[in-house]
Amino acid sequence: MKRVYSAEHGLMTEHIKDVLQEEGINCMIKNLNLAGGLGEIPPIECWPEVWILEDEDYDRANSIVEDLLKEPGEYRTSWLCQCGEKIEGQFTDCWSCGAARG
């Protein structure tokens, strides 16, 4: 077993666990209910953690987690559609012709 993710709140750990399981990677969450131990246990030790059960899945799981945590920087810049229309970065399709961002 290896840890691939840890965060202060459980919401993202649940999401990452779900995505990994959808990819066929067996995993579990540890420390989900340790908040009551704060004060006796250092706060970072109480954070929920996602652990994969099979060590051979670690590299693939780690890559998936890194992709999930990446900022969508490429969508922050404007782009030029094939029809010549300049589209703001948050949009994935052209408002004029309907073409997808390329």
N, C-alpha and C. Protein backbone atom coordinates (compact mmCIF):
# COMPACT_ATOMS: atom_id res chain seq x y z
N MET A 1 0.83 -1.18 0.00
CA MET A 1 0.00 0.00 0.00
C MET A 1 0.88 1.24 0.00
N LYS A 2 0.44 2.24 -0.82
CA LYS A 2 1.17 3.50 -0.87
C LYS A 2 0.19 4.66 -0.89
N ARG A 3 0.58 5.74 -0.24
CA ARG A 3 -0.25 6.95 -0.22
C ARG A 3 0.00 7.75 -1.49
N VAL A 4 -1.08 8.21 -2.12
CA VAL A 4 -0.94 9.04 -3.32
C VAL A 4 -1.48 10.45 -3.14
N TYR A 5 -2.23 10.69 -2.04
CA TYR A 5 -2.80 12.03 -1.87
C TYR A 5 -3.21 12.23 -0.42
N SER A 6 -3.08 13.47 0.03
CA SER A 6 -3.52 13.87 1.36
C SER A 6 -3.98 15.32 1.29
N ALA A 7 -5.06 15.64 2.01
CA ALA A 7 -5.57 17.01 2.02
C ALA A 7 -6.26 17.29 3.33
N GLU A 8 -6.39 18.57 3.63
CA GLU A 8 -6.99 18.97 4.91
C GLU A 8 -8.46 18.56 5.01
N HIS A 9 -9.17 18.58 3.88
CA HIS A 9 -10.59 18.27 3.89
C HIS A 9 -10.87 17.01 3.07
N GLY A 10 -11.90 16.29 3.43
CA GLY A 10 -12.19 15.01 2.81
C GLY A 10 -12.85 15.06 1.44
N LEU A 11 -13.38 16.21 1.04
CA LEU A 11 -14.10 16.28 -0.22
C LEU A 11 -13.23 15.89 -1.42
N MET A 12 -12.05 16.46 -1.51
CA MET A 12 -11.17 16.15 -2.64
C MET A 12 -10.65 14.73 -2.54
N THR A 13 -10.40 14.24 -1.34
CA THR A 13 -9.94 12.86 -1.22
C THR A 13 -11.00 11.89 -1.70
N GLU A 14 -12.26 12.17 -1.43
CA GLU A 14 -13.36 11.32 -1.93
C GLU A 14 -13.40 11.35 -3.45
N HIS A 15 -13.24 12.54 -4.03
CA HIS A 15 -13.26 12.67 -5.49
C HIS A 15 -12.11 11.89 -6.12
N ILE A 16 -10.91 12.04 -5.57
CA ILE A 16 -9.75 11.34 -6.12
C ILE A 16 -9.93 9.83 -5.99
N LYS A 17 -10.43 9.38 -4.86
CA LYS A 17 -10.69 7.94 -4.68
C LYS A 17 -11.66 7.44 -5.75
N ASP A 18 -12.73 8.19 -5.98
CA ASP A 18 -13.73 7.79 -6.98
C ASP A 18 -13.13 7.71 -8.38
N VAL A 19 -12.32 8.72 -8.74
CA VAL A 19 -11.69 8.72 -10.07
C VAL A 19 -10.75 7.53 -10.22
N LEU A 20 -9.93 7.27 -9.21
CA LEU A 20 -9.00 6.14 -9.27
C LEU A 20 -9.76 4.82 -9.39
N GLN A 21 -10.85 4.68 -8.66
CA GLN A 21 -11.63 3.45 -8.75
C GLN A 21 -12.26 3.30 -10.13
N GLU A 22 -12.70 4.40 -10.73
CA GLU A 22 -13.23 4.35 -12.09
C GLU A 22 -12.16 3.89 -13.08
N GLU A 23 -10.90 4.18 -12.78
CA GLU A 23 -9.79 3.76 -13.64
C GLU A 23 -9.33 2.34 -13.32
N GLY A 24 -10.02 1.66 -12.41
CA GLY A 24 -9.69 0.28 -12.08
C GLY A 24 -8.59 0.13 -11.05
N ILE A 25 -8.29 1.19 -10.32
CA ILE A 25 -7.24 1.15 -9.30
C ILE A 25 -7.90 0.98 -7.93
N ASN A 26 -7.58 -0.11 -7.25
CA ASN A 26 -8.12 -0.34 -5.91
C ASN A 26 -7.47 0.62 -4.93
N CYS A 27 -8.30 1.34 -4.19
CA CYS A 27 -7.79 2.32 -3.23
C CYS A 27 -8.75 2.49 -2.07
N MET A 28 -8.28 3.19 -1.07
CA MET A 28 -9.09 3.45 0.11
C MET A 28 -8.69 4.79 0.72
N ILE A 29 -9.56 5.31 1.59
CA ILE A 29 -9.26 6.54 2.31
C ILE A 29 -8.97 6.18 3.76
N LYS A 30 -7.87 6.73 4.26
CA LYS A 30 -7.51 6.57 5.67
C LYS A 30 -7.64 7.92 6.36
N ASN A 31 -7.83 7.89 7.65
CA ASN A 31 -7.87 9.10 8.50
C ASN A 31 -9.10 9.97 8.28
N LEU A 32 -10.14 9.45 7.65
CA LEU A 32 -11.31 10.28 7.35
C LEU A 32 -11.98 10.81 8.61
N ASN A 33 -11.90 10.08 9.69
CA ASN A 33 -12.60 10.48 10.91
C ASN A 33 -11.66 10.82 12.07
N LEU A 34 -10.46 11.28 11.76
CA LEU A 34 -9.50 11.60 12.82
C LEU A 34 -9.57 13.03 13.33
N ALA A 35 -10.50 13.82 12.84
CA ALA A 35 -10.57 15.23 13.26
C ALA A 35 -10.73 15.36 14.77
N GLY A 36 -11.34 14.39 15.41
CA GLY A 36 -11.50 14.42 16.85
C GLY A 36 -10.19 14.31 17.60
N GLY A 37 -9.15 13.85 16.92
CA GLY A 37 -7.85 13.71 17.55
C GLY A 37 -7.00 14.96 17.51
N LEU A 38 -7.51 16.01 16.85
CA LEU A 38 -6.74 17.26 16.77
C LEU A 38 -6.41 17.77 18.16
N GLY A 39 -5.20 18.18 18.34
CA GLY A 39 -4.73 18.64 19.64
C GLY A 39 -3.83 17.60 20.27
N GLU A 40 -4.28 16.36 20.23
CA GLU A 40 -3.46 15.24 20.72
C GLU A 40 -2.54 14.75 19.61
N ILE A 41 -3.01 14.89 18.37
CA ILE A 41 -2.26 14.46 17.19
C ILE A 41 -2.01 15.71 16.35
N PRO A 42 -0.82 15.87 15.75
CA PRO A 42 -0.58 17.04 14.90
C PRO A 42 -1.63 17.12 13.78
N PRO A 43 -2.10 18.32 13.44
CA PRO A 43 -3.16 18.47 12.45
C PRO A 43 -2.90 17.76 11.13
N ILE A 44 -1.70 17.87 10.61
CA ILE A 44 -1.41 17.25 9.31
C ILE A 44 -1.51 15.72 9.37
N GLU A 45 -1.33 15.15 10.53
CA GLU A 45 -1.46 13.70 10.70
C GLU A 45 -2.91 13.26 10.71
N CYS A 46 -3.83 14.20 10.84
CA CYS A 46 -5.26 13.89 10.86
C CYS A 46 -5.92 14.07 9.50
N TRP A 47 -5.18 14.57 8.53
CA TRP A 47 -5.76 14.80 7.21
C TRP A 47 -6.14 13.48 6.55
N PRO A 48 -7.27 13.46 5.83
CA PRO A 48 -7.64 12.27 5.07
C PRO A 48 -6.60 11.98 3.98
N GLU A 49 -6.34 10.71 3.74
CA GLU A 49 -5.34 10.29 2.77
C GLU A 49 -5.93 9.24 1.84
N VAL A 50 -5.54 9.29 0.56
CA VAL A 50 -5.91 8.26 -0.39
C VAL A 50 -4.73 7.32 -0.55
N TRP A 51 -4.97 6.04 -0.33
CA TRP A 51 -3.96 5.00 -0.44
C TRP A 51 -4.37 4.01 -1.51
N ILE A 52 -3.42 3.63 -2.36
CA ILE A 52 -3.69 2.56 -3.33
C ILE A 52 -3.29 1.24 -2.69
N LEU A 53 -4.01 0.19 -3.03
CA LEU A 53 -3.79 -1.09 -2.39
C LEU A 53 -2.70 -1.93 -3.06
N GLU A 54 -2.50 -1.72 -4.34
CA GLU A 54 -1.49 -2.48 -5.10
C GLU A 54 -0.33 -1.56 -5.47
N ASP A 55 0.86 -1.89 -4.99
CA ASP A 55 2.03 -1.03 -5.25
C ASP A 55 2.30 -0.83 -6.73
N GLU A 56 2.00 -1.83 -7.55
CA GLU A 56 2.27 -1.70 -8.98
C GLU A 56 1.37 -0.66 -9.67
N ASP A 57 0.30 -0.23 -9.01
CA ASP A 57 -0.58 0.81 -9.55
C ASP A 57 -0.13 2.22 -9.17
N TYR A 58 0.94 2.32 -8.37
CA TYR A 58 1.33 3.62 -7.82
C TYR A 58 1.65 4.66 -8.90
N ASP A 59 2.49 4.32 -9.87
CA ASP A 59 2.89 5.31 -10.88
C ASP A 59 1.68 5.82 -11.67
N ARG A 60 0.81 4.90 -12.07
CA ARG A 60 -0.37 5.29 -12.82
C ARG A 60 -1.30 6.14 -11.95
N ALA A 61 -1.51 5.74 -10.71
CA ALA A 61 -2.37 6.49 -9.79
C ALA A 61 -1.80 7.87 -9.53
N ASN A 62 -0.51 7.96 -9.33
CA ASN A 62 0.13 9.25 -9.07
C ASN A 62 -0.02 10.18 -10.28
N SER A 63 0.10 9.63 -11.48
CA SER A 63 -0.07 10.42 -12.69
C SER A 63 -1.49 10.94 -12.81
N ILE A 64 -2.47 10.11 -12.48
CA ILE A 64 -3.88 10.53 -12.53
C ILE A 64 -4.12 11.65 -11.52
N VAL A 65 -3.58 11.50 -10.31
CA VAL A 65 -3.76 12.52 -9.28
C VAL A 65 -3.12 13.84 -9.72
N GLU A 66 -1.93 13.78 -10.28
CA GLU A 66 -1.27 15.00 -10.76
C GLU A 66 -2.11 15.69 -11.82
N ASP A 67 -2.68 14.92 -12.74
CA ASP A 67 -3.53 15.50 -13.79
C ASP A 67 -4.78 16.16 -13.19
N LEU A 68 -5.35 15.53 -12.17
CA LEU A 68 -6.54 16.10 -11.53
C LEU A 68 -6.24 17.41 -10.82
N LEU A 69 -5.03 17.55 -10.31
CA LEU A 69 -4.66 18.73 -9.54
C LEU A 69 -4.09 19.87 -10.37
N LYS A 70 -3.84 19.62 -11.66
CA LYS A 70 -3.29 20.66 -12.53
C LYS A 70 -4.28 21.79 -12.71
N GLU A 71 -3.75 22.98 -12.75
CA GLU A 71 -4.56 24.15 -13.07
C GLU A 71 -4.88 24.11 -14.56
N PRO A 72 -6.09 24.44 -14.92
CA PRO A 72 -6.44 24.44 -16.34
C PRO A 72 -5.93 25.69 -17.05
N GLY A 73 -4.62 25.90 -17.00
CA GLY A 73 -4.00 27.11 -17.53
C GLY A 73 -4.23 27.33 -19.01
N GLU A 74 -4.32 26.26 -19.78
CA GLU A 74 -4.48 26.43 -21.22
C GLU A 74 -5.81 27.07 -21.58
N TYR A 75 -6.78 27.00 -20.69
CA TYR A 75 -8.08 27.58 -20.97
C TYR A 75 -8.23 29.00 -20.44
N ARG A 76 -7.17 29.55 -19.94
CA ARG A 76 -7.23 30.92 -19.44
C ARG A 76 -6.90 31.93 -20.53
N THR A 77 -6.26 31.47 -21.58
CA THR A 77 -5.88 32.37 -22.66
C THR A 77 -6.90 32.30 -23.79
N SER A 78 -7.07 33.40 -24.47
CA SER A 78 -7.97 33.44 -25.62
C SER A 78 -7.45 32.53 -26.72
N TRP A 79 -8.34 32.13 -27.61
CA TRP A 79 -7.95 31.27 -28.72
C TRP A 79 -8.67 31.71 -29.98
N LEU A 80 -8.07 31.39 -31.12
CA LEU A 80 -8.61 31.78 -32.41
C LEU A 80 -9.27 30.57 -33.05
N CYS A 81 -10.56 30.69 -33.34
CA CYS A 81 -11.30 29.59 -33.95
C CYS A 81 -10.93 29.47 -35.43
N GLN A 82 -11.24 28.31 -35.99
CA GLN A 82 -10.96 28.07 -37.41
C GLN A 82 -11.74 29.02 -38.31
N CYS A 83 -12.86 29.58 -37.79
CA CYS A 83 -13.64 30.54 -38.58
C CYS A 83 -13.09 31.95 -38.47
N GLY A 84 -12.05 32.13 -37.63
CA GLY A 84 -11.42 33.43 -37.50
C GLY A 84 -11.90 34.24 -36.30
N GLU A 85 -12.87 33.72 -35.55
CA GLU A 85 -13.41 34.43 -34.40
C GLU A 85 -12.49 34.25 -33.19
N LYS A 86 -12.21 35.36 -32.49
CA LYS A 86 -11.41 35.28 -31.27
C LYS A 86 -12.35 34.95 -30.11
N ILE A 87 -12.01 33.86 -29.37
CA ILE A 87 -12.86 33.36 -28.30
C ILE A 87 -12.13 33.50 -26.96
N GLU A 88 -12.85 33.93 -25.92
CA GLU A 88 -12.26 34.04 -24.59
C GLU A 88 -11.87 32.65 -24.07
N GLY A 89 -10.84 32.62 -23.25
CA GLY A 89 -10.24 31.36 -22.81
C GLY A 89 -11.12 30.40 -22.06
N GLN A 90 -12.13 30.87 -21.35
CA GLN A 90 -12.95 29.95 -20.56
C GLN A 90 -13.92 29.14 -21.41
N PHE A 91 -14.09 29.52 -22.68
CA PHE A 91 -15.03 28.82 -23.55
C PHE A 91 -14.34 27.71 -24.34
N THR A 92 -15.02 26.58 -24.47
CA THR A 92 -14.46 25.44 -25.19
C THR A 92 -14.99 25.32 -26.61
N ASP A 93 -16.05 26.05 -26.91
CA ASP A 93 -16.63 26.01 -28.25
C ASP A 93 -16.81 27.43 -28.77
N CYS A 94 -16.73 27.57 -30.08
CA CYS A 94 -16.90 28.88 -30.72
C CYS A 94 -18.38 29.27 -30.69
N TRP A 95 -18.66 30.50 -30.28
CA TRP A 95 -20.04 30.97 -30.24
C TRP A 95 -20.58 31.22 -31.64
N SER A 96 -19.69 31.46 -32.59
CA SER A 96 -20.10 31.80 -33.94
C SER A 96 -20.41 30.59 -34.81
N CYS A 97 -19.47 29.62 -34.83
CA CYS A 97 -19.67 28.47 -35.72
C CYS A 97 -19.87 27.15 -34.98
N GLY A 98 -19.65 27.15 -33.67
CA GLY A 98 -19.88 25.93 -32.88
C GLY A 98 -18.71 24.97 -32.84
N ALA A 99 -17.60 25.30 -33.49
CA ALA A 99 -16.45 24.40 -33.51
C ALA A 99 -15.81 24.31 -32.12
N ALA A 100 -15.32 23.12 -31.78
CA ALA A 100 -14.64 22.89 -30.50
C ALA A 100 -13.25 23.49 -30.54
N ARG A 101 -12.79 23.89 -29.37
CA ARG A 101 -11.42 24.40 -29.24
C ARG A 101 -10.44 23.34 -29.75
N GLY A 102 -9.50 23.76 -30.59
CA GLY A 102 -8.57 22.79 -31.18
C GLY A 102 -7.27 22.66 -30.53
